[in-house]
Amino acid sequence: MTENPQNVHPLEDLVRMDRIPHIWCPGCGTGSVFASCLTAMKQTGIPYNQFAMVSGIGCSGRGAGYINIDSFHTTHGRAIPFATGIKMASPDLNVIVFSGDGDLFAIGGNHFIHAARRNMDITVICVNNLTYGMTGGQVAATTPHLAKSSTTTVGNPETPFSLPFLAYASGATYIARWTMLHARDLADSIEEALVHKGFSFIEVLSPCPVNFGRRNKEKPLDTLKKYYENTIVRNGANPAELDIDYKKGVILGKFADIDKPTHDEKYKKMYWPDEK
């Protein structure tokens, strides 16, 4: 019996359907970010066999297991060096890192800094839910000051990273921030990042209702309301002014799109100057 085309989801050809249903919790935004990523891949028109996805450990790290292309689920914090190796071995591949704020900016922070410094031609999508969502809700490098976590039960005494500012200071050449609620803007931004030459970074704010929301008495709809009412799209904003402060308004948009030689281009020019 032939399946009715009307019953086929438009992204189904990019999903390992035998692994569905997914593990993401009700109210989690990771699935929405994942769908925007798949939509962006389709929008580029690039054949699927020219993509590879790498994820680390964490809730969003499951993305590599669900996508129906060459994909790699790596050890905690090591998605970017693994992606770097793939890109250097196969420079024509479009390499995507799809992971979370804990994986990319705590245990994996050093790798992020140096990949951006080298201007590696990869696209890094960070699902920022402000916590370690999968491993128990511990404080993360992005957990807001005074927010509660399983390891800061009376509130986080530390100052969190501003991820776009860190990316800019490290040398990233494409930088943007959206929320999972801005699904179309996010898909278009990821499409831009995929065809951009150089290190592309997109931060996506996303709710974690179980580990962050529950401890901070914030329901999923409350988070979405903040995304809708307390965000400002300001393309080209100063990366130094991108702290996440909903009282002032969280700035979204594209903050950098710089044309600069990639690591592969500089490497070839130095070691194989005669190769075209």
C-alpha atoms as a PDB file:
ATOM      1  CA  MET A   1       0.000   0.000   0.000  1.00  0.00           C
ATOM      2  CA  THR A   2       1.426   3.389  -1.040  1.00  0.00           C
ATOM      3  CA  GLU A   3       1.680   5.971   1.720  1.00  0.00           C
ATOM      4  CA  ASN A   4      -0.512   9.028   1.228  1.00  0.00           C
ATOM      5  CA  PRO A   5       1.816  11.966   0.403  1.00  0.00           C
ATOM      6  CA  GLN A   6      -0.390  14.194   2.557  1.00  0.00           C
ATOM      7  CA  ASN A   7       0.654  12.159   5.595  1.00  0.00           C
ATOM      8  CA  VAL A   8       4.380  12.712   5.004  1.00  0.00           C
ATOM      9  CA  HIS A   9       5.985  15.515   6.987  1.00  0.00           C
ATOM     10  CA  PRO A  10       8.014  17.891   4.747  1.00  0.00           C
ATOM     11  CA  LEU A  11      11.149  17.256   6.821  1.00  0.00           C
ATOM     12  CA  GLU A  12      10.705  13.491   7.052  1.00  0.00           C
ATOM     13  CA  ASP A  13      13.441  12.748   4.501  1.00  0.00           C
ATOM     14  CA  LEU A  14      15.940  14.355   6.878  1.00  0.00           C
ATOM     15  CA  VAL A  15      14.837  12.439   9.979  1.00  0.00           C
ATOM     16  CA  ARG A  16      15.684   8.895  11.077  1.00  0.00           C
ATOM     17  CA  MET A  17      12.024   7.966  11.556  1.00  0.00           C
ATOM     18  CA  ASP A  18      12.917   4.659  13.232  1.00  0.00           C
ATOM     19  CA  ARG A  19      14.203   6.711  16.198  1.00  0.00           C
ATOM     20  CA  ILE A  20      10.969   8.636  16.645  1.00  0.00           C
ATOM     21  CA  PRO A  21       9.403   9.464  19.110  1.00  0.00           C
ATOM     22  CA  HIS A  22      12.230  11.665  20.372  1.00  0.00           C
ATOM     23  CA  ILE A  23      13.349  12.048  23.960  1.00  0.00           C
ATOM     24  CA  TRP A  24      12.809  15.811  24.302  1.00  0.00           C
ATOM     25  CA  CYS A  25      10.457  16.800  27.133  1.00  0.00           C
ATOM     26  CA  PRO A  26       7.104  18.529  26.624  1.00  0.00           C
ATOM     27  CA  GLY A  27       7.760  22.269  26.549  1.00  0.00           C
ATOM     28  CA  CYS A  28      11.399  21.877  25.528  1.00  0.00           C
ATOM     29  CA  GLY A  29      12.417  24.047  22.567  1.00  0.00           C
ATOM     30  CA  THR A  30      15.155  21.824  21.168  1.00  0.00           C
ATOM     31  CA  GLY A  31      12.835  20.111  18.694  1.00  0.00           C
ATOM     32  CA  SER A  32      11.793  23.479  17.270  1.00  0.00           C
ATOM     33  CA  VAL A  33      15.427  24.518  16.851  1.00  0.00           C
ATOM     34  CA  PHE A  34      16.188  21.171  15.213  1.00  0.00           C
ATOM     35  CA  ALA A  35      13.299  21.664  12.774  1.00  0.00           C
ATOM     36  CA  SER A  36      14.585  25.133  11.872  1.00  0.00           C
ATOM     37  CA  CYS A  37      18.004  23.632  11.211  1.00  0.00           C
ATOM     38  CA  LEU A  38      16.554  20.986   8.888  1.00  0.00           C
ATOM     39  CA  THR A  39      14.456  23.633   7.126  1.00  0.00           C
ATOM     40  CA  ALA A  40      17.584  25.723   6.566  1.00  0.00           C
ATOM     41  CA  MET A  41      19.428  22.766   5.091  1.00  0.00           C
ATOM     42  CA  LYS A  42      16.592  22.269   2.613  1.00  0.00           C
ATOM     43  CA  GLN A  43      16.536  25.983   1.763  1.00  0.00           C
ATOM     44  CA  THR A  44      20.206  25.973   0.740  1.00  0.00           C
ATOM     45  CA  GLY A  45      19.530  23.446  -2.020  1.00  0.00           C
ATOM     46  CA  ILE A  46      22.798  21.723  -1.131  1.00  0.00           C
ATOM     47  CA  PRO A  47      22.633  17.911  -1.577  1.00  0.00           C
ATOM     48  CA  TYR A  48      22.278  16.089   1.737  1.00  0.00           C
ATOM     49  CA  ASN A  49      25.409  14.024   1.098  1.00  0.00           C
ATOM     50  CA  GLN A  50      27.437  17.243   1.315  1.00  0.00           C
ATOM     51  CA  PHE A  51      26.435  17.798   4.951  1.00  0.00           C
ATOM     52  CA  ALA A  52      27.664  16.283   8.201  1.00  0.00           C
ATOM     53  CA  MET A  53      26.320  16.969  11.697  1.00  0.00           C
ATOM     54  CA  VAL A  54      28.264  16.624  14.936  1.00  0.00           C
ATOM     55  CA  SER A  55      26.796  16.816  18.444  1.00  0.00           C
ATOM     56  CA  GLY A  56      28.201  16.523  21.926  1.00  0.00           C
ATOM     57  CA  ILE A  57      26.509  15.279  25.085  1.00  0.00           C
ATOM     58  CA  GLY A  58      23.271  16.801  26.326  1.00  0.00           C
ATOM     59  CA  CYS A  59      19.617  17.133  25.348  1.00  0.00           C
ATOM     60  CA  SER A  60      20.362  18.896  22.066  1.00  0.00           C
ATOM     61  CA  GLY A  61      23.189  16.447  21.443  1.00  0.00           C
ATOM     62  CA  ARG A  62      20.513  13.962  20.387  1.00  0.00           C
ATOM     63  CA  GLY A  63      20.151  15.946  17.170  1.00  0.00           C
ATOM     64  CA  ALA A  64      22.950  13.982  15.520  1.00  0.00           C
ATOM     65  CA  GLY A  65      21.102  10.771  16.288  1.00  0.00           C
ATOM     66  CA  TYR A  66      17.850  11.917  14.696  1.00  0.00           C
ATOM     67  CA  ILE A  67      19.114  13.499  11.483  1.00  0.00           C
ATOM     68  CA  ASN A  68      19.241  11.252   8.431  1.00  0.00           C
ATOM     69  CA  ILE A  69      22.647  12.300   7.098  1.00  0.00           C
ATOM     70  CA  ASP A  70      26.228  11.465   8.078  1.00  0.00           C
ATOM     71  CA  SER A  71      26.238  12.355  11.756  1.00  0.00           C
ATOM     72  CA  PHE A  72      28.439  11.878  14.792  1.00  0.00           C
ATOM     73  CA  HIS A  73      27.474  11.843  18.475  1.00  0.00           C
ATOM     74  CA  THR A  74      30.753  12.612  20.234  1.00  0.00           C
ATOM     75  CA  THR A  75      32.037  12.810  23.801  1.00  0.00           C
ATOM     76  CA  HIS A  76      31.169  15.654  26.153  1.00  0.00           C
ATOM     77  CA  GLY A  77      32.605  18.967  25.042  1.00  0.00           C
ATOM     78  CA  ARG A  78      34.401  17.549  22.019  1.00  0.00           C
ATOM     79  CA  ALA A  79      31.949  18.251  19.190  1.00  0.00           C
ATOM     80  CA  ILE A  80      33.937  21.171  17.781  1.00  0.00           C
ATOM     81  CA  PRO A  81      37.373  19.457  17.574  1.00  0.00           C
ATOM     82  CA  PHE A  82      35.663  16.441  16.004  1.00  0.00           C
ATOM     83  CA  ALA A  83      33.961  18.759  13.475  1.00  0.00           C
ATOM     84  CA  THR A  84      37.301  20.464  12.849  1.00  0.00           C
ATOM     85  CA  GLY A  85      38.870  17.116  11.951  1.00  0.00           C
ATOM     86  CA  ILE A  86      36.032  16.300   9.542  1.00  0.00           C
ATOM     87  CA  LYS A  87      36.341  19.692   7.843  1.00  0.00           C
ATOM     88  CA  MET A  88      40.111  19.436   7.442  1.00  0.00           C
ATOM     89  CA  ALA A  89      39.838  15.904   6.031  1.00  0.00           C
ATOM     90  CA  SER A  90      36.936  16.801   3.695  1.00  0.00           C
ATOM     91  CA  PRO A  91      37.009  20.570   3.061  1.00  0.00           C
ATOM     92  CA  ASP A  92      34.036  20.428   0.665  1.00  0.00           C
ATOM     93  CA  LEU A  93      31.659  19.173   3.369  1.00  0.00           C
ATOM     94  CA  ASN A  94      29.266  21.547   5.115  1.00  0.00           C
ATOM     95  CA  VAL A  95      29.853  20.659   8.770  1.00  0.00           C
ATOM     96  CA  ILE A  96      27.240  21.559  11.394  1.00  0.00           C
ATOM     97  CA  VAL A  97      27.753  21.392  15.152  1.00  0.00           C
ATOM     98  CA  PHE A  98      24.392  21.133  16.931  1.00  0.00           C
ATOM     99  CA  SER A  99      24.789  21.151  20.694  1.00  0.00           C
ATOM    100  CA  GLY A 100      24.004  22.924  23.960  1.00  0.00           C
ATOM    101  CA  ASP A 101      25.441  25.692  26.090  1.00  0.00           C
ATOM    102  CA  GLY A 102      26.935  23.308  28.663  1.00  0.00           C
ATOM    103  CA  ASP A 103      28.646  21.137  26.078  1.00  0.00           C
ATOM    104  CA  LEU A 104      29.946  24.038  23.969  1.00  0.00           C
ATOM    105  CA  PHE A 105      30.850  26.673  26.554  1.00  0.00           C
ATOM    106  CA  ALA A 106      31.752  24.868  29.784  1.00  0.00           C
ATOM    107  CA  ILE A 107      33.649  21.633  29.183  1.00  0.00           C
ATOM    108  CA  GLY A 108      33.961  22.554  25.482  1.00  0.00           C
ATOM    109  CA  GLY A 109      34.664  26.267  25.873  1.00  0.00           C
ATOM    110  CA  ASN A 110      38.339  26.117  25.007  1.00  0.00           C
ATOM    111  CA  HIS A 111      37.591  24.295  21.753  1.00  0.00           C
ATOM    112  CA  PHE A 112      35.008  26.927  20.785  1.00  0.00           C
ATOM    113  CA  ILE A 113      37.467  29.771  21.339  1.00  0.00           C
ATOM    114  CA  HIS A 114      40.196  28.259  19.189  1.00  0.00           C
ATOM    115  CA  ALA A 115      37.941  27.111  16.355  1.00  0.00           C
ATOM    116  CA  ALA A 116      36.578  30.675  16.146  1.00  0.00           C
ATOM    117  CA  ARG A 117      40.120  32.092  16.317  1.00  0.00           C
ATOM    118  CA  ARG A 118      41.156  29.888  13.394  1.00  0.00           C
ATOM    119  CA  ASN A 119      37.995  30.808  11.462  1.00  0.00           C
ATOM    120  CA  MET A 120      37.217  27.157  10.846  1.00  0.00           C
ATOM    121  CA  ASP A 121      34.602  26.883   8.134  1.00  0.00           C
ATOM    122  CA  ILE A 122      31.934  25.209  10.272  1.00  0.00           C
ATOM    123  CA  THR A 123      28.487  26.231  11.547  1.00  0.00           C
ATOM    124  CA  VAL A 124      27.886  26.025  15.300  1.00  0.00           C
ATOM    125  CA  ILE A 125      24.278  26.107  16.547  1.00  0.00           C
ATOM    126  CA  CYS A 126      24.021  26.437  20.326  1.00  0.00           C
ATOM    127  CA  VAL A 127      20.705  25.620  21.981  1.00  0.00           C
ATOM    128  CA  ASN A 128      20.992  27.754  25.114  1.00  0.00           C
ATOM    129  CA  ASN A 129      18.574  26.638  27.834  1.00  0.00           C
ATOM    130  CA  LEU A 130      20.664  28.233  30.607  1.00  0.00           C
ATOM    131  CA  THR A 131      21.353  24.953  32.413  1.00  0.00           C
ATOM    132  CA  TYR A 132      22.690  21.416  32.180  1.00  0.00           C
ATOM    133  CA  GLY A 133      19.330  19.993  31.158  1.00  0.00           C
ATOM    134  CA  MET A 134      20.145  16.306  30.712  1.00  0.00           C
ATOM    135  CA  THR A 135      22.471  15.687  33.634  1.00  0.00           C
ATOM    136  CA  GLY A 136      20.442  17.094  36.518  1.00  0.00           C
ATOM    137  CA  GLY A 137      20.024  20.850  36.119  1.00  0.00           C
ATOM    138  CA  GLN A 138      23.417  21.954  37.418  1.00  0.00           C
ATOM    139  CA  VAL A 139      24.606  25.554  37.086  1.00  0.00           C
ATOM    140  CA  ALA A 140      26.087  26.287  33.654  1.00  0.00           C
ATOM    141  CA  ALA A 141      28.323  28.970  32.173  1.00  0.00           C
ATOM    142  CA  THR A 142      25.142  30.634  30.900  1.00  0.00           C
ATOM    143  CA  THR A 143      22.935  30.357  34.011  1.00  0.00           C
ATOM    144  CA  PRO A 144      21.754  33.880  34.902  1.00  0.00           C
ATOM    145  CA  HIS A 145      23.005  35.593  38.035  1.00  0.00           C
ATOM    146  CA  LEU A 146      20.789  34.622  41.022  1.00  0.00           C
ATOM    147  CA  ALA A 147      18.965  31.885  39.058  1.00  0.00           C
ATOM    148  CA  LYS A 148      18.530  28.600  40.901  1.00  0.00           C
ATOM    149  CA  SER A 149      19.944  25.266  39.813  1.00  0.00           C
ATOM    150  CA  SER A 150      20.586  21.899  41.449  1.00  0.00           C
ATOM    151  CA  THR A 151      24.062  23.105  42.446  1.00  0.00           C
ATOM    152  CA  THR A 152      23.108  26.725  43.279  1.00  0.00           C
ATOM    153  CA  THR A 153      19.968  26.122  45.284  1.00  0.00           C
ATOM    154  CA  VAL A 154      19.776  29.663  46.686  1.00  0.00           C
ATOM    155  CA  GLY A 155      20.809  31.339  43.430  1.00  0.00           C
ATOM    156  CA  ASN A 156      23.803  31.560  41.103  1.00  0.00           C
ATOM    157  CA  PRO A 157      26.417  33.981  42.490  1.00  0.00           C
ATOM    158  CA  GLU A 158      28.344  34.121  39.189  1.00  0.00           C
ATOM    159  CA  THR A 159      28.104  36.233  36.050  1.00  0.00           C
ATOM    160  CA  PRO A 160      27.177  34.251  32.910  1.00  0.00           C
ATOM    161  CA  PHE A 161      28.869  34.411  29.531  1.00  0.00           C
ATOM    162  CA  SER A 162      27.415  36.568  26.790  1.00  0.00           C
ATOM    163  CA  LEU A 163      27.793  34.000  24.009  1.00  0.00           C
ATOM    164  CA  PRO A 164      27.675  36.343  20.982  1.00  0.00           C
ATOM    165  CA  PHE A 165      30.227  38.643  22.629  1.00  0.00           C
ATOM    166  CA  LEU A 166      32.496  35.677  23.386  1.00  0.00           C
ATOM    167  CA  ALA A 167      32.160  34.508  19.775  1.00  0.00           C
ATOM    168  CA  TYR A 168      32.981  37.986  18.460  1.00  0.00           C
ATOM    169  CA  ALA A 169      35.995  38.388  20.739  1.00  0.00           C
ATOM    170  CA  SER A 170      37.264  34.950  19.674  1.00  0.00           C
ATOM    171  CA  GLY A 171      37.109  35.748  15.953  1.00  0.00           C
ATOM    172  CA  ALA A 172      33.849  34.248  14.655  1.00  0.00           C
ATOM    173  CA  THR A 173      32.891  35.769  11.297  1.00  0.00           C
ATOM    174  CA  TYR A 174      29.128  35.133  11.358  1.00  0.00           C
ATOM    175  CA  ILE A 175      27.247  35.701  14.632  1.00  0.00           C
ATOM    176  CA  ALA A 176      23.515  35.736  15.329  1.00  0.00           C
ATOM    177  CA  ARG A 177      21.039  35.137  18.129  1.00  0.00           C
ATOM    178  CA  TRP A 178      17.378  34.110  17.967  1.00  0.00           C
ATOM    179  CA  THR A 179      14.886  32.288  20.153  1.00  0.00           C
ATOM    180  CA  MET A 180      13.163  29.030  19.283  1.00  0.00           C
ATOM    181  CA  LEU A 181       9.945  31.063  18.967  1.00  0.00           C
ATOM    182  CA  HIS A 182      11.439  32.985  16.006  1.00  0.00           C
ATOM    183  CA  ALA A 183      11.435  29.822  13.905  1.00  0.00           C
ATOM    184  CA  ARG A 184      11.419  31.423  10.443  1.00  0.00           C
ATOM    185  CA  ASP A 185      14.050  34.034  11.295  1.00  0.00           C
ATOM    186  CA  LEU A 186      16.144  31.259  12.801  1.00  0.00           C
ATOM    187  CA  ALA A 187      15.852  29.035   9.713  1.00  0.00           C
ATOM    188  CA  ASP A 188      16.850  31.921   7.444  1.00  0.00           C
ATOM    189  CA  SER A 189      19.787  32.743   9.720  1.00  0.00           C
ATOM    190  CA  ILE A 190      20.997  29.138   9.743  1.00  0.00           C
ATOM    191  CA  GLU A 191      20.740  29.088   5.946  1.00  0.00           C
ATOM    192  CA  GLU A 192      22.955  32.196   5.807  1.00  0.00           C
ATOM    193  CA  ALA A 193      25.404  30.620   8.219  1.00  0.00           C
ATOM    194  CA  LEU A 194      25.611  27.398   6.192  1.00  0.00           C
ATOM    195  CA  VAL A 195      26.649  29.217   3.016  1.00  0.00           C
ATOM    196  CA  HIS A 196      28.923  31.670   4.857  1.00  0.00           C
ATOM    197  CA  LYS A 197      32.652  30.994   4.501  1.00  0.00           C
ATOM    198  CA  GLY A 198      34.180  30.873   7.953  1.00  0.00           C
ATOM    199  CA  PHE A 199      33.217  30.193  11.556  1.00  0.00           C
ATOM    200  CA  SER A 200      29.479  30.754  11.954  1.00  0.00           C
ATOM    201  CA  PHE A 201      27.818  30.870  15.362  1.00  0.00           C
ATOM    202  CA  ILE A 202      24.112  31.073  16.174  1.00  0.00           C
ATOM    203  CA  GLU A 203      22.826  31.164  19.744  1.00  0.00           C
ATOM    204  CA  VAL A 204      19.218  30.020  20.146  1.00  0.00           C
ATOM    205  CA  LEU A 205      17.434  30.739  23.422  1.00  0.00           C
ATOM    206  CA  SER A 206      15.242  27.787  24.342  1.00  0.00           C
ATOM    207  CA  PRO A 207      13.218  26.799  27.433  1.00  0.00           C
ATOM    208  CA  CYS A 208      14.054  23.912  29.743  1.00  0.00           C
ATOM    209  CA  PRO A 209      10.805  23.558  31.730  1.00  0.00           C
ATOM    210  CA  VAL A 210      11.942  20.562  33.773  1.00  0.00           C
ATOM    211  CA  ASN A 211      15.321  21.586  35.145  1.00  0.00           C
ATOM    212  CA  PHE A 212      15.509  25.377  34.751  1.00  0.00           C
ATOM    213  CA  GLY A 213      11.854  26.393  34.649  1.00  0.00           C
ATOM    214  CA  ARG A 214      10.710  24.236  37.563  1.00  0.00           C
ATOM    215  CA  ARG A 215      13.455  25.476  39.890  1.00  0.00           C
ATOM    216  CA  ASN A 216      12.911  29.116  38.909  1.00  0.00           C
ATOM    217  CA  LYS A 217       9.103  28.873  38.957  1.00  0.00           C
ATOM    218  CA  GLU A 218       8.825  29.714  35.267  1.00  0.00           C
ATOM    219  CA  LYS A 219       6.268  27.789  33.200  1.00  0.00           C
ATOM    220  CA  PRO A 220       6.938  27.088  29.508  1.00  0.00           C
ATOM    221  CA  LEU A 221       4.299  29.589  28.376  1.00  0.00           C
ATOM    222  CA  ASP A 222       5.893  32.225  30.633  1.00  0.00           C
ATOM    223  CA  THR A 223       9.193  31.699  28.828  1.00  0.00           C
ATOM    224  CA  LEU A 224       7.550  31.973  25.409  1.00  0.00           C
ATOM    225  CA  LYS A 225       5.804  35.154  26.532  1.00  0.00           C
ATOM    226  CA  LYS A 226       9.207  36.625  27.460  1.00  0.00           C
ATOM    227  CA  TYR A 227      10.567  35.649  24.058  1.00  0.00           C
ATOM    228  CA  TYR A 228       7.624  37.391  22.404  1.00  0.00           C
ATOM    229  CA  GLU A 229       7.309  40.514  24.522  1.00  0.00           C
ATOM    230  CA  ASN A 230      10.826  41.183  25.789  1.00  0.00           C
ATOM    231  CA  THR A 231      13.057  40.695  22.758  1.00  0.00           C
ATOM    232  CA  ILE A 232      14.222  43.311  20.272  1.00  0.00           C
ATOM    233  CA  VAL A 233      15.483  42.545  16.754  1.00  0.00           C
ATOM    234  CA  ARG A 234      18.457  44.820  16.139  1.00  0.00           C
ATOM    235  CA  ASN A 235      20.730  43.622  13.363  1.00  0.00           C
ATOM    236  CA  GLY A 236      24.288  44.906  13.644  1.00  0.00           C
ATOM    237  CA  ALA A 237      24.037  45.550  17.390  1.00  0.00           C
ATOM    238  CA  ASN A 238      27.250  45.991  19.343  1.00  0.00           C
ATOM    239  CA  PRO A 239      28.314  42.496  20.525  1.00  0.00           C
ATOM    240  CA  ALA A 240      29.405  44.016  23.858  1.00  0.00           C
ATOM    241  CA  GLU A 241      25.771  44.964  24.595  1.00  0.00           C
ATOM    242  CA  LEU A 242      24.118  41.560  24.247  1.00  0.00           C
ATOM    243  CA  ASP A 243      23.659  40.415  27.834  1.00  0.00           C
ATOM    244  CA  ILE A 244      20.465  38.429  28.453  1.00  0.00           C
ATOM    245  CA  ASP A 245      18.382  40.873  30.501  1.00  0.00           C
ATOM    246  CA  TYR A 246      14.648  40.629  29.916  1.00  0.00           C
ATOM    247  CA  LYS A 247      13.996  43.789  31.931  1.00  0.00           C
ATOM    248  CA  LYS A 248      15.938  45.840  29.378  1.00  0.00           C
ATOM    249  CA  GLY A 249      14.985  43.612  26.445  1.00  0.00           C
ATOM    250  CA  VAL A 250      17.090  40.841  24.934  1.00  0.00           C
ATOM    251  CA  ILE A 251      18.584  41.794  21.581  1.00  0.00           C
ATOM    252  CA  LEU A 252      18.192  39.342  18.694  1.00  0.00           C
ATOM    253  CA  GLY A 253      19.414  39.456  15.110  1.00  0.00           C
ATOM    254  CA  LYS A 254      22.588  39.157  13.069  1.00  0.00           C
ATOM    255  CA  PHE A 255      25.555  40.856  14.693  1.00  0.00           C
ATOM    256  CA  ALA A 256      28.467  39.996  12.395  1.00  0.00           C
ATOM    257  CA  ASP A 257      28.921  38.840   8.807  1.00  0.00           C
ATOM    258  CA  ILE A 258      32.594  39.266   7.965  1.00  0.00           C
ATOM    259  CA  ASP A 259      34.491  38.157   4.864  1.00  0.00           C
ATOM    260  CA  LYS A 260      37.833  36.798   6.001  1.00  0.00           C
ATOM    261  CA  PRO A 261      40.113  33.909   4.892  1.00  0.00           C
ATOM    262  CA  THR A 262      39.180  30.596   6.453  1.00  0.00           C
ATOM    263  CA  HIS A 263      41.556  28.215   8.170  1.00  0.00           C
ATOM    264  CA  ASP A 264      41.545  25.876   5.151  1.00  0.00           C
ATOM    265  CA  GLU A 265      42.356  28.710   2.757  1.00  0.00           C
ATOM    266  CA  LYS A 266      45.293  29.927   4.843  1.00  0.00           C
ATOM    267  CA  TYR A 267      46.531  26.378   5.370  1.00  0.00           C
ATOM    268  CA  LYS A 268      46.523  25.626   1.628  1.00  0.00           C
ATOM    269  CA  LYS A 269      48.171  28.921   0.740  1.00  0.00           C
ATOM    270  CA  MET A 270      50.986  28.243   3.164  1.00  0.00           C
ATOM    271  CA  TYR A 271      51.667  24.567   2.482  1.00  0.00           C
ATOM    272  CA  TRP A 272      50.420  24.093  -1.103  1.00  0.00           C
ATOM    273  CA  PRO A 273      50.800  27.544  -2.719  1.00  0.00           C
ATOM    274  CA  ASP A 274      50.696  26.151  -6.265  1.00  0.00           C
ATOM    275  CA  GLU A 275      47.480  24.186  -5.796  1.00  0.00           C
ATOM    276  CA  LYS A 276      44.374  25.779  -7.279  1.00  0.00           C
END
